[in-house]
Amino acid sequence: MSGDDADFAAYLAARWPFLVRSLVLIGCPRHEAEDVVQTGLARCYSAWDRVRKADDMDAYVYRTVLNCWHRSRRRRWWGERPTAAAPETVPAEDVTDLHLRLRRTTESEPP
């Protein structure tokens, strides 16, 4: 293991619980917090020289992890859009009508 790898491994072991706990305290489920911290630390590892040269290394890493959390929340928010009046069931005639329209569309297209 190189010096940088050993340095990063020591930092990771020392700061992992704090980073996960911080995300849990702001409302992130524990399993998701661990994934986000892992992603953030992977980004920090790829730029470890720059992270070590930062004035406050902990603040740099914490900010990177928070940015990863914000990105994951933004991605999930756009993917989950509830409708105001979603029907409990779809009437059978709607399904039949949709099926017939799809069949006509696919039959009219050349192979």
Protein backbone atom coordinates (compact mmCIF):
# COMPACT_ATOMS: atom_id res chain seq x y z
CA MET A 1 0.00 0.00 0.00
CA SER A 2 1.44 3.36 -0.99
CA GLY A 3 1.72 6.29 1.40
CA ASP A 4 -1.30 8.03 -0.10
CA ASP A 5 -3.40 4.87 0.18
CA ALA A 6 -2.39 4.36 3.81
CA ASP A 7 -3.10 8.01 4.57
CA PHE A 8 -6.55 7.77 2.95
CA ALA A 9 -7.33 4.48 4.72
CA ALA A 10 -6.47 6.03 8.09
CA TYR A 11 -8.64 9.05 7.33
CA LEU A 12 -11.48 6.83 6.18
CA ALA A 13 -11.38 4.72 9.35
CA ALA A 14 -11.38 7.80 11.56
CA ARG A 15 -14.08 9.83 9.79
CA TRP A 16 -16.52 7.20 8.44
CA PRO A 17 -18.77 7.06 11.55
CA PHE A 18 -18.97 10.86 11.78
CA LEU A 19 -19.90 11.27 8.12
CA VAL A 20 -22.58 8.56 8.21
CA ARG A 21 -24.01 9.89 11.49
CA SER A 22 -24.11 13.43 10.07
CA LEU A 23 -26.23 12.34 7.11
CA VAL A 24 -28.53 10.30 9.34
CA LEU A 25 -29.06 13.36 11.54
CA ILE A 26 -30.20 15.45 8.56
CA GLY A 27 -32.77 12.82 7.61
CA CYS A 28 -31.01 10.35 5.37
CA PRO A 29 -31.79 6.66 6.07
CA ARG A 30 -28.72 4.83 7.41
CA HIS A 31 -28.30 2.48 4.43
CA GLU A 32 -28.56 5.40 2.02
CA ALA A 33 -26.19 7.48 4.16
CA GLU A 34 -23.55 4.76 3.93
CA ASP A 35 -23.92 4.67 0.13
CA VAL A 36 -23.66 8.44 -0.15
CA VAL A 37 -20.60 8.58 2.11
CA GLN A 38 -18.98 5.84 0.07
CA THR A 39 -19.62 7.78 -3.14
CA GLY A 40 -18.31 11.02 -1.62
CA LEU A 41 -15.17 9.37 -0.29
CA ALA A 42 -14.54 7.72 -3.65
CA ARG A 43 -14.58 11.18 -5.21
CA CYS A 44 -12.24 12.46 -2.52
CA TYR A 45 -9.90 9.52 -3.06
CA SER A 46 -9.59 10.33 -6.75
CA ALA A 47 -8.49 13.86 -5.81
CA TRP A 48 -6.68 12.97 -2.59
CA ASP A 49 -3.69 15.25 -3.27
CA ARG A 50 -6.02 18.24 -3.61
CA VAL A 51 -8.00 17.20 -0.51
CA ARG A 52 -4.86 16.94 1.62
CA LYS A 53 -3.74 20.41 0.52
CA ALA A 54 -7.05 22.00 1.52
CA ASP A 55 -7.04 24.41 4.45
CA ASP A 56 -9.61 22.29 6.28
CA MET A 57 -9.54 18.72 5.01
CA ASP A 58 -12.60 17.67 7.05
CA ALA A 59 -14.67 20.53 5.66
CA TYR A 60 -13.62 19.63 2.11
CA VAL A 61 -14.64 15.99 2.56
CA TYR A 62 -17.86 16.88 4.38
CA ARG A 63 -18.83 19.30 1.63
CA THR A 64 -18.14 16.66 -1.03
CA VAL A 65 -20.33 14.16 0.81
CA LEU A 66 -23.11 16.73 1.20
CA ASN A 67 -22.94 17.52 -2.51
CA CYS A 68 -23.32 13.81 -3.27
CA TRP A 69 -26.33 13.66 -0.96
CA HIS A 70 -27.92 16.68 -2.67
CA ARG A 71 -27.37 15.10 -6.07
CA SER A 72 -28.96 11.84 -4.96
CA ARG A 73 -31.97 13.71 -3.52
CA ARG A 74 -32.37 15.77 -6.68
CA ARG A 75 -32.19 12.68 -8.87
CA ARG A 76 -34.78 10.87 -6.73
CA TRP A 77 -37.07 13.91 -6.60
CA TRP A 78 -37.25 14.18 -10.37
CA GLY A 79 -37.91 10.47 -10.67
CA GLU A 80 -40.76 10.40 -8.16
CA ARG A 81 -43.60 12.68 -9.11
CA PRO A 82 -46.86 11.79 -7.41
CA THR A 83 -50.07 12.64 -9.19
CA ALA A 84 -52.80 14.55 -7.43
CA ALA A 85 -55.62 12.19 -8.38
CA ALA A 86 -54.22 8.80 -9.30
CA PRO A 87 -56.99 6.25 -9.83
CA GLU A 88 -56.94 3.18 -7.62
CA THR A 89 -57.75 0.88 -10.56
CA VAL A 90 -57.90 1.32 -14.31
CA PRO A 91 -61.35 0.60 -15.79
CA ALA A 92 -61.36 -2.46 -18.05
CA GLU A 93 -62.70 -0.49 -21.03
CA ASP A 94 -59.68 1.85 -20.85
CA VAL A 95 -57.27 -1.09 -20.94
CA THR A 96 -59.13 -2.66 -23.87
CA ASP A 97 -59.17 0.63 -25.77
CA LEU A 98 -55.44 1.10 -25.17
CA HIS A 99 -54.73 -2.45 -26.28
CA LEU A 100 -56.69 -1.95 -29.51
CA ARG A 101 -54.92 1.32 -30.28
CA LEU A 102 -51.52 -0.24 -29.69
CA ARG A 103 -52.41 -3.21 -31.88
CA ARG A 104 -53.52 -0.91 -34.72
CA THR A 105 -50.33 1.10 -34.41
CA THR A 106 -48.06 -1.94 -34.54
CA GLU A 107 -50.03 -3.60 -37.37
CA SER A 108 -49.87 -0.49 -39.55
CA GLU A 109 -46.07 -0.19 -39.18
CA PRO A 110 -44.01 -2.05 -41.79
CA PRO A 111 -41.66 -4.72 -40.38
